[in-house]
C-alpha cells in the first residue's frame, strides 16, 4: 500500500512532495511529481470534507476502535457509491 502525505511528514517513510532547496529550483520531473501529488491529495481531502458532514461521524462519540470502524465503513460506502 502506498501512503502519501503532506510536507509535514518528512522522514516518516511516506511519500511527500519534493521540496525546493535554497537557490535551487525543482527539476521538471519533480514539479510534475508534485502536481500529481496535489491532485491525489485533493481528492482524498475532499472526501474527508464530505464525510465530516455525515451525521454518523459528526455524532460519533465512541472510544477505542469504534470510530476507526465507523470511518472505515463510511469510506467503503462512499467508494461504492462513487463507482456504482
N, C-alpha and C. Protein backbone atom coordinates (compact mmCIF):
# COMPACT_ATOMS: atom_id res chain seq x y z
N UNK A 1 0.85 -1.17 0.00
CA UNK A 1 0.00 0.00 0.00
C UNK A 1 0.90 1.24 0.00
N UNK A 2 0.53 2.19 -0.81
CA UNK A 2 1.26 3.44 -0.88
C UNK A 2 0.52 4.50 -0.08
N UNK A 3 1.25 5.21 0.76
CA UNK A 3 0.64 6.27 1.57
C UNK A 3 1.33 7.58 1.23
N UNK A 4 0.52 8.57 0.82
CA UNK A 4 1.08 9.89 0.55
C UNK A 4 0.69 10.82 1.68
N UNK A 5 1.50 11.82 1.90
CA UNK A 5 1.26 12.76 3.00
C UNK A 5 1.72 14.14 2.57
N UNK A 6 1.47 15.12 3.44
CA UNK A 6 1.95 16.46 3.14
C UNK A 6 3.39 16.62 3.62
N UNK A 7 3.95 17.77 3.38
CA UNK A 7 5.35 18.02 3.71
C UNK A 7 5.69 17.96 5.18
N UNK A 8 4.68 17.97 6.04
CA UNK A 8 4.93 17.90 7.48
C UNK A 8 5.38 16.52 7.93
N UNK A 9 5.28 15.54 7.05
CA UNK A 9 5.59 14.15 7.42
C UNK A 9 6.95 13.70 6.89
N UNK A 10 7.86 14.63 6.72
CA UNK A 10 9.20 14.26 6.25
C UNK A 10 9.85 13.28 7.20
N UNK A 11 10.59 12.34 6.64
CA UNK A 11 11.34 11.39 7.45
C UNK A 11 10.51 10.26 8.02
N UNK A 12 9.27 10.11 7.57
CA UNK A 12 8.40 9.06 8.10
C UNK A 12 8.31 7.86 7.17
N UNK A 13 8.90 7.96 5.99
CA UNK A 13 8.80 6.88 5.02
C UNK A 13 7.58 7.01 4.11
N UNK A 14 6.76 8.03 4.35
CA UNK A 14 5.60 8.27 3.49
C UNK A 14 6.04 9.07 2.27
N UNK A 15 5.22 9.06 1.24
CA UNK A 15 5.54 9.82 0.03
C UNK A 15 5.08 11.26 0.24
N UNK A 16 6.03 12.17 0.21
CA UNK A 16 5.76 13.59 0.41
C UNK A 16 6.23 14.36 -0.82
N UNK A 17 5.73 15.58 -1.01
CA UNK A 17 6.16 16.37 -2.17
C UNK A 17 7.64 16.73 -2.09
N UNK A 18 8.23 16.94 -3.26
CA UNK A 18 9.62 17.41 -3.31
C UNK A 18 9.68 18.83 -2.77
N UNK A 19 10.75 19.15 -2.10
CA UNK A 19 10.92 20.50 -1.54
C UNK A 19 11.99 21.25 -2.32
N UNK A 20 11.75 22.55 -2.44
CA UNK A 20 12.76 23.40 -3.06
C UNK A 20 13.91 23.60 -2.08
N UNK A 21 15.10 23.62 -2.59
CA UNK A 21 16.29 23.92 -1.78
C UNK A 21 16.69 25.36 -2.04
N UNK A 22 17.34 25.96 -1.10
CA UNK A 22 17.75 27.36 -1.25
C UNK A 22 18.59 27.54 -2.52
N UNK A 23 18.13 28.40 -3.39
CA UNK A 23 18.86 28.72 -4.61
C UNK A 23 18.82 27.65 -5.68
N UNK A 24 18.03 26.60 -5.48
CA UNK A 24 17.94 25.51 -6.46
C UNK A 24 16.48 25.21 -6.76
N UNK A 25 16.02 25.54 -7.95
CA UNK A 25 14.62 25.26 -8.29
C UNK A 25 14.40 23.75 -8.44
N UNK A 26 13.14 23.35 -8.38
CA UNK A 26 12.81 21.94 -8.60
C UNK A 26 13.06 21.58 -10.06
N UNK A 27 13.45 20.35 -10.30
CA UNK A 27 13.59 19.85 -11.66
C UNK A 27 12.20 19.64 -12.25
N UNK A 28 12.13 19.59 -13.57
CA UNK A 28 10.84 19.44 -14.25
C UNK A 28 10.10 18.18 -13.77
N UNK A 29 10.78 17.08 -13.64
CA UNK A 29 10.16 15.84 -13.17
C UNK A 29 9.64 15.96 -11.75
N UNK A 30 10.36 16.71 -10.92
CA UNK A 30 9.92 16.92 -9.54
C UNK A 30 8.66 17.78 -9.50
N UNK A 31 8.60 18.80 -10.37
CA UNK A 31 7.40 19.64 -10.45
C UNK A 31 6.20 18.81 -10.89
N UNK A 32 6.41 17.91 -11.86
CA UNK A 32 5.33 17.05 -12.33
C UNK A 32 4.89 16.08 -11.23
N UNK A 33 5.85 15.55 -10.49
CA UNK A 33 5.52 14.68 -9.35
C UNK A 33 4.68 15.43 -8.33
N UNK A 34 5.07 16.65 -8.03
CA UNK A 34 4.32 17.45 -7.05
C UNK A 34 2.91 17.75 -7.54
N UNK A 35 2.75 18.00 -8.84
CA UNK A 35 1.42 18.28 -9.39
C UNK A 35 0.53 17.04 -9.24
N UNK A 36 1.06 15.87 -9.52
CA UNK A 36 0.28 14.64 -9.36
C UNK A 36 -0.04 14.39 -7.89
N UNK A 37 0.93 14.65 -7.04
CA UNK A 37 0.74 14.51 -5.59
C UNK A 37 -0.41 15.39 -5.12
N UNK A 38 -0.45 16.64 -5.59
CA UNK A 38 -1.52 17.57 -5.22
C UNK A 38 -2.89 17.06 -5.69
N UNK A 39 -2.93 16.53 -6.93
CA UNK A 39 -4.20 16.04 -7.47
C UNK A 39 -4.74 14.89 -6.62
N UNK A 40 -3.88 13.95 -6.26
CA UNK A 40 -4.32 12.80 -5.46
C UNK A 40 -4.75 13.26 -4.07
N UNK A 41 -3.95 14.08 -3.44
CA UNK A 41 -4.27 14.55 -2.08
C UNK A 41 -5.57 15.36 -2.07
N UNK A 42 -5.81 16.14 -3.11
CA UNK A 42 -7.03 16.95 -3.17
C UNK A 42 -8.26 16.04 -3.16
N UNK A 43 -8.23 14.95 -3.90
CA UNK A 43 -9.37 14.03 -3.92
C UNK A 43 -9.60 13.43 -2.55
N UNK A 44 -8.53 13.05 -1.87
CA UNK A 44 -8.65 12.47 -0.53
C UNK A 44 -9.19 13.50 0.45
N UNK A 45 -8.64 14.71 0.41
CA UNK A 45 -9.08 15.77 1.33
C UNK A 45 -10.53 16.14 1.08
N UNK A 46 -10.97 16.15 -0.18
CA UNK A 46 -12.37 16.46 -0.48
C UNK A 46 -13.28 15.36 0.08
N UNK A 47 -12.83 14.12 0.00
CA UNK A 47 -13.60 13.02 0.56
C UNK A 47 -13.73 13.17 2.07
N UNK A 48 -12.63 13.50 2.75
CA UNK A 48 -12.69 13.73 4.19
C UNK A 48 -13.66 14.86 4.53
N UNK A 49 -13.62 15.93 3.75
CA UNK A 49 -14.51 17.06 4.00
C UNK A 49 -15.98 16.64 3.85
N UNK A 50 -16.28 15.84 2.83
CA UNK A 50 -17.65 15.37 2.64
C UNK A 50 -18.08 14.47 3.78
N UNK A 51 -17.18 13.60 4.24
CA UNK A 51 -17.52 12.67 5.31
C UNK A 51 -17.80 13.40 6.61
N UNK A 52 -17.19 14.56 6.82
CA UNK A 52 -17.42 15.31 8.05
C UNK A 52 -18.86 15.82 8.14
N UNK A 53 -19.53 15.88 7.01
CA UNK A 53 -20.93 16.32 7.00
C UNK A 53 -21.89 15.18 7.32
N UNK A 54 -21.42 13.95 7.38
CA UNK A 54 -22.28 12.80 7.61
C UNK A 54 -22.57 12.67 9.10
N UNK A 55 -23.81 12.55 9.43
CA UNK A 55 -24.24 12.51 10.82
C UNK A 55 -23.58 11.38 11.61
N UNK A 56 -23.39 10.22 11.00
CA UNK A 56 -22.81 9.09 11.73
C UNK A 56 -21.43 9.43 12.27
N UNK A 57 -20.68 10.25 11.54
CA UNK A 57 -19.34 10.62 12.01
C UNK A 57 -19.39 11.85 12.91
N UNK A 58 -20.26 12.79 12.59
CA UNK A 58 -20.34 14.02 13.37
C UNK A 58 -20.78 13.71 14.80
N UNK A 59 -21.71 12.78 14.94
CA UNK A 59 -22.25 12.46 16.26
C UNK A 59 -21.53 11.29 16.94
N UNK A 60 -20.54 10.75 16.30
CA UNK A 60 -19.85 9.58 16.84
C UNK A 60 -19.03 9.97 18.07
N UNK A 61 -19.32 9.33 19.17
CA UNK A 61 -18.60 9.60 20.41
C UNK A 61 -18.01 8.31 20.97
N UNK A 62 -17.75 7.36 20.08
CA UNK A 62 -17.25 6.07 20.52
C UNK A 62 -15.79 6.17 20.91
N UNK A 63 -15.37 5.23 21.72
CA UNK A 63 -13.96 5.18 22.14
C UNK A 63 -13.31 3.95 21.54
N UNK A 64 -12.01 3.91 21.60
CA UNK A 64 -11.27 2.75 21.09
C UNK A 64 -11.39 2.62 19.59
N UNK A 65 -11.59 1.40 19.11
CA UNK A 65 -11.66 1.12 17.68
C UNK A 65 -13.00 1.50 17.05
N UNK A 66 -13.98 1.88 17.86
CA UNK A 66 -15.30 2.18 17.32
C UNK A 66 -15.27 3.23 16.24
N UNK A 67 -14.59 4.34 16.49
CA UNK A 67 -14.51 5.41 15.50
C UNK A 67 -13.78 4.94 14.25
N UNK A 68 -12.72 4.18 14.44
CA UNK A 68 -11.95 3.65 13.31
C UNK A 68 -12.87 2.82 12.40
N UNK A 69 -13.66 1.94 13.00
CA UNK A 69 -14.54 1.08 12.21
C UNK A 69 -15.65 1.90 11.55
N UNK A 70 -16.16 2.91 12.23
CA UNK A 70 -17.20 3.76 11.64
C UNK A 70 -16.65 4.51 10.43
N UNK A 71 -15.47 5.08 10.55
CA UNK A 71 -14.86 5.81 9.44
C UNK A 71 -14.57 4.86 8.28
N UNK A 72 -14.06 3.69 8.60
CA UNK A 72 -13.77 2.70 7.56
C UNK A 72 -15.04 2.30 6.81
N UNK A 73 -16.13 2.08 7.54
CA UNK A 73 -17.40 1.70 6.93
C UNK A 73 -17.93 2.82 6.04
N UNK A 74 -17.88 4.05 6.52
CA UNK A 74 -18.38 5.18 5.74
C UNK A 74 -17.52 5.37 4.48
N UNK A 75 -16.20 5.24 4.62
CA UNK A 75 -15.32 5.38 3.45
C UNK A 75 -15.62 4.30 2.42
N UNK A 76 -15.86 3.08 2.87
CA UNK A 76 -16.20 1.99 1.95
C UNK A 76 -17.50 2.28 1.23
N UNK A 77 -18.52 2.71 1.97
CA UNK A 77 -19.80 3.04 1.35
C UNK A 77 -19.66 4.19 0.35
N UNK A 78 -18.88 5.18 0.70
CA UNK A 78 -18.65 6.31 -0.20
C UNK A 78 -18.00 5.84 -1.49
N UNK A 79 -16.96 4.99 -1.36
CA UNK A 79 -16.26 4.49 -2.55
C UNK A 79 -17.19 3.66 -3.41
N UNK A 80 -18.05 2.85 -2.80
CA UNK A 80 -19.02 2.07 -3.58
C UNK A 80 -19.99 2.98 -4.32
N UNK A 81 -20.44 4.04 -3.65
CA UNK A 81 -21.37 4.97 -4.29
C UNK A 81 -20.70 5.68 -5.46
N UNK A 82 -19.41 5.98 -5.34
CA UNK A 82 -18.70 6.69 -6.42
C UNK A 82 -18.46 5.79 -7.63
N UNK A 83 -18.33 4.49 -7.42
CA UNK A 83 -18.03 3.58 -8.53
C UNK A 83 -19.30 2.98 -9.14
N UNK A 84 -20.43 3.11 -8.46
CA UNK A 84 -21.66 2.47 -8.91
C UNK A 84 -22.44 3.24 -9.87
